[in-house]
């Protein structure tokens, strides 16, 4: 997982969707297939487990977003400039075009 994370500059926070043949294979690090890599806006999917109620799920989200905002504050303090609104909108348009082209 660290090799995948370090391959993406600035990937400090996210979630992997993986498939493995068994729990034992996962422990050994064998047969792991990464299906999807989700960044900071991905949700902690364990909050949907029926063992958690509504308020527990909200607490999970609050902790996740606190971590994300703490990381952003640390990066900004280290000199990283946040994206401007126009940069974000441009990235959204590029992504939408790419998705339409892949369909």
Protein backbone atom coordinates (compact mmCIF):
# COMPACT_ATOMS: atom_id res chain seq x y z
CA UNK A 1 0.00 0.00 0.00
CA UNK A 2 2.86 2.37 0.77
CA UNK A 3 4.36 1.79 -2.68
CA UNK A 4 1.06 2.78 -4.28
CA UNK A 5 0.65 5.84 -2.05
CA UNK A 6 4.16 7.13 -2.67
CA UNK A 7 3.67 6.75 -6.44
CA UNK A 8 1.13 9.59 -6.26
CA UNK A 9 2.65 12.91 -5.27
CA UNK A 10 0.59 14.34 -2.43
CA UNK A 11 -1.42 11.21 -1.68
CA UNK A 12 -1.57 11.31 2.10
CA UNK A 13 -5.16 10.39 2.74
CA UNK A 14 -7.58 8.03 1.10
CA UNK A 15 -9.10 4.60 0.82
CA UNK A 16 -8.29 1.53 -1.24
CA UNK A 17 -10.93 -0.85 -2.56
CA UNK A 18 -9.16 -4.19 -2.83
CA UNK A 19 -9.95 -7.80 -3.65
CA UNK A 20 -7.99 -10.69 -2.16
CA UNK A 21 -8.55 -14.45 -2.34
CA UNK A 22 -8.74 -14.80 1.46
CA UNK A 23 -7.98 -13.11 4.76
CA UNK A 24 -4.85 -15.24 5.02
CA UNK A 25 -3.67 -14.11 1.58
CA UNK A 26 -4.15 -10.51 2.73
CA UNK A 27 -2.04 -11.17 5.85
CA UNK A 28 0.70 -12.61 3.62
CA UNK A 29 0.38 -9.74 1.14
CA UNK A 30 -0.40 -12.14 -1.70
CA UNK A 31 -2.96 -11.90 -4.48
CA UNK A 32 -4.02 -8.35 -3.63
CA UNK A 33 -5.81 -6.59 -6.50
CA UNK A 34 -6.45 -2.87 -6.14
CA UNK A 35 -9.82 -2.14 -7.71
CA UNK A 36 -9.97 1.55 -6.91
CA UNK A 37 -8.01 4.25 -5.12
CA UNK A 38 -10.12 6.98 -3.55
CA UNK A 39 -8.74 10.25 -2.27
CA UNK A 40 -9.60 12.55 0.57
CA UNK A 41 -13.28 12.90 -0.37
CA UNK A 42 -13.92 9.16 -0.11
CA UNK A 43 -16.04 8.01 2.80
CA UNK A 44 -14.93 5.55 5.43
CA UNK A 45 -17.19 2.73 4.29
CA UNK A 46 -17.18 0.92 7.62
CA UNK A 47 -19.62 3.57 8.87
CA UNK A 48 -22.30 1.76 6.82
CA UNK A 49 -21.84 -1.42 8.85
CA UNK A 50 -25.13 -2.23 10.60
CA UNK A 51 -23.26 -2.37 13.92
CA UNK A 52 -22.96 1.42 13.76
CA UNK A 53 -25.93 3.68 14.22
CA UNK A 54 -26.55 7.12 12.81
CA UNK A 55 -24.65 9.01 15.51
CA UNK A 56 -21.65 6.69 15.33
CA UNK A 57 -21.54 7.18 11.56
CA UNK A 58 -21.63 10.95 12.04
CA UNK A 59 -18.75 10.69 14.53
CA UNK A 60 -16.73 8.65 12.01
CA UNK A 61 -17.30 11.33 9.35
CA UNK A 62 -16.38 14.12 11.77
CA UNK A 63 -13.09 12.37 12.64
CA UNK A 64 -12.34 11.80 8.95
CA UNK A 65 -12.95 15.42 8.01
CA UNK A 66 -10.97 16.66 11.02
CA UNK A 67 -8.02 14.61 9.79
CA UNK A 68 -8.46 16.03 6.29
CA UNK A 69 -8.60 19.63 7.51
CA UNK A 70 -5.65 19.10 9.87
CA UNK A 71 -3.64 17.74 6.94
CA UNK A 72 -4.64 20.71 4.78
CA UNK A 73 -3.60 23.13 7.53
CA UNK A 74 -0.25 21.35 7.85
CA UNK A 75 0.36 21.49 4.10
CA UNK A 76 -0.60 25.15 3.84
CA UNK A 77 1.69 25.88 6.77
CA UNK A 78 4.46 24.13 4.85
CA UNK A 79 3.98 26.41 1.86
CA UNK A 80 1.60 24.42 -0.35
CA UNK A 81 -0.88 26.75 -2.02
CA UNK A 82 -4.48 25.52 -2.11
CA UNK A 83 -6.16 25.20 -5.49
CA UNK A 84 -8.21 28.17 -6.57
CA UNK A 85 -11.89 27.83 -7.38
CA UNK A 86 -11.16 28.21 -11.09
CA UNK A 87 -8.54 25.43 -10.92
CA UNK A 88 -11.03 23.13 -9.19
CA UNK A 89 -13.77 23.88 -11.73
CA UNK A 90 -11.33 23.27 -14.59
CA UNK A 91 -10.34 19.90 -13.09
CA UNK A 92 -14.02 18.95 -12.78
CA UNK A 93 -14.65 19.84 -16.44
CA UNK A 94 -11.61 17.82 -17.57
CA UNK A 95 -12.75 14.83 -15.51
CA UNK A 96 -16.29 15.00 -16.90
CA UNK A 97 -14.96 15.12 -20.46
CA UNK A 98 -12.70 12.15 -19.78
CA UNK A 99 -15.59 10.15 -18.33
CA UNK A 100 -17.81 10.94 -21.33
CA UNK A 101 -15.02 9.84 -23.67
CA UNK A 102 -14.55 6.57 -21.78
CA UNK A 103 -18.24 5.67 -21.92
